[in-house]
Amino acid sequence: MAEIARLHGGAALPIPVVREDVVEKLEELLELARSGEIAGFAFAVVTSRKDINTAWKGNADRHDMIAATAMLVYRVVSAGVDSE
């Protein structure tokens, strides 16, 4: 795979690859949001350059959002344990 190097040194940057599974999930969530089904939304994103972005929006109960994000952390950690 070709890589793009930085002009002033540093690690080469990967060429972004479209993740169809990510696109499908985002489209599904967008449909739910447009239909009014989503009261609150929290996300964590890691880009192809390893940048991290997190945010939350909406008017969901704070405790429900904490529970949802805690469940996400559990699922990510569990997936890592299963794959090792």
N, C-alpha and C. Protein backbone atom coordinates (compact mmCIF):
# COMPACT_ATOMS: atom_id res chain seq x y z
N MET A 1 0.85 -1.17 0.00
CA MET A 1 0.00 0.00 0.00
C MET A 1 0.89 1.23 0.00
N ALA A 2 0.53 2.22 -0.80
CA ALA A 2 1.28 3.47 -0.86
C ALA A 2 1.04 4.28 0.41
N GLU A 3 2.04 5.02 0.82
CA GLU A 3 1.91 5.88 1.99
C GLU A 3 2.36 7.28 1.64
N ILE A 4 1.81 8.26 2.30
CA ILE A 4 2.18 9.65 2.10
C ILE A 4 3.09 10.05 3.24
N ALA A 5 4.26 10.56 2.92
CA ALA A 5 5.22 10.97 3.94
C ALA A 5 5.06 12.45 4.23
N ARG A 6 5.33 12.83 5.45
CA ARG A 6 5.31 14.24 5.82
C ARG A 6 6.56 14.92 5.27
N LEU A 7 6.43 16.18 4.90
CA LEU A 7 7.55 16.90 4.33
C LEU A 7 8.67 17.13 5.33
N HIS A 8 8.34 17.31 6.59
CA HIS A 8 9.35 17.61 7.60
C HIS A 8 9.63 16.41 8.48
N GLY A 9 9.55 15.23 7.94
CA GLY A 9 9.84 14.02 8.70
C GLY A 9 8.62 13.54 9.46
N GLY A 10 8.82 12.59 10.33
CA GLY A 10 7.72 12.02 11.09
C GLY A 10 7.18 10.79 10.41
N ALA A 11 6.20 10.20 11.02
CA ALA A 11 5.63 8.96 10.51
C ALA A 11 4.83 9.22 9.23
N ALA A 12 4.83 8.22 8.37
CA ALA A 12 4.03 8.32 7.14
C ALA A 12 2.55 8.25 7.51
N LEU A 13 1.73 8.96 6.75
CA LEU A 13 0.30 8.98 6.99
C LEU A 13 -0.39 7.93 6.14
N PRO A 14 -1.30 7.15 6.73
CA PRO A 14 -1.99 6.13 5.93
C PRO A 14 -2.99 6.79 4.97
N ILE A 15 -3.23 6.11 3.86
CA ILE A 15 -4.27 6.57 2.94
C ILE A 15 -5.60 6.15 3.53
N PRO A 16 -6.56 7.08 3.70
CA PRO A 16 -7.85 6.72 4.29
C PRO A 16 -8.58 5.67 3.45
N VAL A 17 -9.22 4.74 4.14
CA VAL A 17 -10.00 3.68 3.51
C VAL A 17 -11.44 3.83 3.98
N VAL A 18 -12.38 3.82 3.04
CA VAL A 18 -13.79 3.93 3.40
C VAL A 18 -14.22 2.63 4.08
N ARG A 19 -14.72 2.75 5.29
CA ARG A 19 -15.22 1.60 6.04
C ARG A 19 -16.73 1.54 5.85
N GLU A 20 -17.18 0.63 4.99
CA GLU A 20 -18.60 0.54 4.67
C GLU A 20 -19.44 0.24 5.91
N ASP A 21 -18.90 -0.55 6.86
CA ASP A 21 -19.66 -0.85 8.07
C ASP A 21 -19.89 0.42 8.89
N VAL A 22 -18.91 1.31 8.90
CA VAL A 22 -19.05 2.58 9.62
C VAL A 22 -20.08 3.47 8.92
N VAL A 23 -20.00 3.55 7.60
CA VAL A 23 -20.95 4.36 6.84
C VAL A 23 -22.38 3.85 7.05
N GLU A 24 -22.57 2.54 7.00
CA GLU A 24 -23.90 1.96 7.19
C GLU A 24 -24.47 2.29 8.58
N LYS A 25 -23.65 2.19 9.62
CA LYS A 25 -24.11 2.49 10.97
C LYS A 25 -24.46 3.96 11.11
N LEU A 26 -23.64 4.85 10.54
CA LEU A 26 -23.93 6.28 10.60
C LEU A 26 -25.23 6.61 9.86
N GLU A 27 -25.45 5.97 8.71
CA GLU A 27 -26.70 6.20 7.97
C GLU A 27 -27.90 5.70 8.76
N GLU A 28 -27.75 4.56 9.42
CA GLU A 28 -28.84 4.01 10.26
C GLU A 28 -29.16 4.97 11.40
N LEU A 29 -28.13 5.49 12.05
CA LEU A 29 -28.33 6.43 13.15
C LEU A 29 -28.95 7.73 12.67
N LEU A 30 -28.55 8.18 11.49
CA LEU A 30 -29.12 9.41 10.92
C LEU A 30 -30.62 9.24 10.65
N GLU A 31 -31.02 8.09 10.15
CA GLU A 31 -32.44 7.81 9.93
C GLU A 31 -33.21 7.85 11.25
N LEU A 32 -32.64 7.22 12.29
CA LEU A 32 -33.30 7.23 13.61
C LEU A 32 -33.41 8.65 14.16
N ALA A 33 -32.36 9.44 13.98
CA ALA A 33 -32.38 10.82 14.47
C ALA A 33 -33.43 11.64 13.73
N ARG A 34 -33.50 11.47 12.43
CA ARG A 34 -34.48 12.23 11.64
C ARG A 34 -35.91 11.84 11.95
N SER A 35 -36.12 10.62 12.42
CA SER A 35 -37.47 10.18 12.78
C SER A 35 -37.83 10.53 14.22
N GLY A 36 -36.89 11.11 14.96
CA GLY A 36 -37.15 11.51 16.33
C GLY A 36 -36.91 10.42 17.36
N GLU A 37 -36.33 9.31 16.95
CA GLU A 37 -36.13 8.17 17.85
C GLU A 37 -34.94 8.36 18.80
N ILE A 38 -34.02 9.24 18.47
CA ILE A 38 -32.83 9.41 19.30
C ILE A 38 -32.99 10.65 20.17
N ALA A 39 -32.94 10.44 21.49
CA ALA A 39 -33.06 11.56 22.44
C ALA A 39 -31.70 12.17 22.75
N GLY A 40 -30.68 11.35 22.71
CA GLY A 40 -29.33 11.81 23.00
C GLY A 40 -28.33 10.96 22.24
N PHE A 41 -27.17 11.52 21.97
CA PHE A 41 -26.19 10.85 21.15
C PHE A 41 -24.80 11.17 21.67
N ALA A 42 -23.98 10.14 21.89
CA ALA A 42 -22.59 10.31 22.29
C ALA A 42 -21.74 9.51 21.33
N PHE A 43 -20.56 10.04 21.00
CA PHE A 43 -19.71 9.28 20.10
C PHE A 43 -18.24 9.46 20.44
N ALA A 44 -17.48 8.47 19.98
CA ALA A 44 -16.02 8.52 20.06
C ALA A 44 -15.51 8.07 18.69
N VAL A 45 -14.63 8.87 18.10
CA VAL A 45 -14.13 8.59 16.76
C VAL A 45 -12.60 8.58 16.80
N VAL A 46 -12.02 7.62 16.10
CA VAL A 46 -10.58 7.61 15.88
C VAL A 46 -10.40 7.68 14.36
N THR A 47 -9.71 8.71 13.89
CA THR A 47 -9.53 8.88 12.46
C THR A 47 -8.37 8.02 11.95
N SER A 48 -8.24 7.98 10.64
CA SER A 48 -7.14 7.22 10.03
C SER A 48 -5.78 7.79 10.43
N ARG A 49 -5.76 9.05 10.89
CA ARG A 49 -4.51 9.69 11.35
C ARG A 49 -4.34 9.54 12.86
N LYS A 50 -5.22 8.77 13.50
CA LYS A 50 -5.19 8.52 14.95
C LYS A 50 -5.63 9.72 15.77
N ASP A 51 -6.29 10.69 15.14
CA ASP A 51 -6.89 11.79 15.89
C ASP A 51 -8.12 11.25 16.60
N ILE A 52 -8.42 11.78 17.77
CA ILE A 52 -9.57 11.34 18.57
C ILE A 52 -10.55 12.49 18.71
N ASN A 53 -11.83 12.17 18.56
CA ASN A 53 -12.88 13.17 18.67
C ASN A 53 -14.03 12.55 19.46
N THR A 54 -14.50 13.27 20.45
CA THR A 54 -15.65 12.80 21.23
C THR A 54 -16.62 13.95 21.43
N ALA A 55 -17.89 13.62 21.58
CA ALA A 55 -18.91 14.64 21.85
C ALA A 55 -20.21 13.97 22.23
N TRP A 56 -21.13 14.76 22.74
CA TRP A 56 -22.49 14.29 22.98
C TRP A 56 -23.43 15.44 22.70
N LYS A 57 -24.62 15.08 22.25
CA LYS A 57 -25.64 16.07 21.91
C LYS A 57 -27.00 15.52 22.31
N GLY A 58 -27.97 16.39 22.44
CA GLY A 58 -29.34 15.98 22.71
C GLY A 58 -29.76 16.30 24.13
N ASN A 59 -30.95 15.84 24.46
CA ASN A 59 -31.50 16.14 25.78
C ASN A 59 -31.83 14.88 26.57
N ALA A 60 -31.10 13.79 26.32
CA ALA A 60 -31.30 12.56 27.08
C ALA A 60 -30.89 12.80 28.53
N ASP A 61 -31.51 12.06 29.44
CA ASP A 61 -31.15 12.12 30.85
C ASP A 61 -29.66 11.83 31.02
N ARG A 62 -29.01 12.62 31.84
CA ARG A 62 -27.56 12.48 32.05
C ARG A 62 -27.19 11.08 32.52
N HIS A 63 -28.00 10.50 33.40
CA HIS A 63 -27.69 9.15 33.90
C HIS A 63 -27.83 8.11 32.79
N ASP A 64 -28.80 8.29 31.90
CA ASP A 64 -28.95 7.38 30.76
C ASP A 64 -27.74 7.48 29.83
N MET A 65 -27.23 8.69 29.62
CA MET A 65 -26.06 8.87 28.77
C MET A 65 -24.82 8.24 29.40
N ILE A 66 -24.69 8.36 30.71
CA ILE A 66 -23.56 7.73 31.41
C ILE A 66 -23.66 6.22 31.29
N ALA A 67 -24.86 5.67 31.45
CA ALA A 67 -25.05 4.22 31.32
C ALA A 67 -24.72 3.75 29.90
N ALA A 68 -25.17 4.51 28.91
CA ALA A 68 -24.91 4.13 27.52
C ALA A 68 -23.41 4.16 27.19
N THR A 69 -22.71 5.20 27.65
CA THR A 69 -21.28 5.28 27.36
C THR A 69 -20.49 4.24 28.16
N ALA A 70 -20.94 3.92 29.38
CA ALA A 70 -20.29 2.86 30.15
C ALA A 70 -20.46 1.51 29.45
N MET A 71 -21.63 1.28 28.87
CA MET A 71 -21.86 0.04 28.12
C MET A 71 -20.95 -0.02 26.91
N LEU A 72 -20.75 1.12 26.25
CA LEU A 72 -19.85 1.17 25.10
C LEU A 72 -18.42 0.83 25.52
N VAL A 73 -17.95 1.41 26.60
CA VAL A 73 -16.60 1.11 27.10
C VAL A 73 -16.48 -0.38 27.39
N TYR A 74 -17.48 -0.97 28.03
CA TYR A 74 -17.46 -2.40 28.34
C TYR A 74 -17.35 -3.22 27.05
N ARG A 75 -18.14 -2.86 26.04
CA ARG A 75 -18.14 -3.62 24.79
C ARG A 75 -16.79 -3.51 24.07
N VAL A 76 -16.18 -2.32 24.08
CA VAL A 76 -14.88 -2.14 23.43
C VAL A 76 -13.81 -2.94 24.17
N VAL A 77 -13.80 -2.87 25.49
CA VAL A 77 -12.82 -3.61 26.29
C VAL A 77 -13.02 -5.12 26.10
N SER A 78 -14.26 -5.58 26.12
CA SER A 78 -14.55 -7.00 25.95
C SER A 78 -14.12 -7.49 24.57
N ALA A 79 -14.31 -6.68 23.55
CA ALA A 79 -13.89 -7.07 22.20
C ALA A 79 -12.37 -7.23 22.15
N GLY A 80 -11.65 -6.36 22.84
CA GLY A 80 -10.20 -6.45 22.88
C GLY A 80 -9.73 -7.70 23.60
N VAL A 81 -10.43 -8.08 24.66
CA VAL A 81 -10.07 -9.27 25.41
C VAL A 81 -10.34 -10.51 24.58
N ASP A 82 -11.47 -10.53 23.86
CA ASP A 82 -11.84 -11.68 23.04
C ASP A 82 -10.86 -11.91 21.89
N SER A 83 -10.27 -10.83 21.38
CA SER A 83 -9.41 -10.96 20.22
C SER A 83 -7.97 -11.32 20.57
N GLU A 84 -7.63 -11.30 21.85
CA GLU A 84 -6.25 -11.60 22.24
C GLU A 84 -6.05 -13.07 22.50
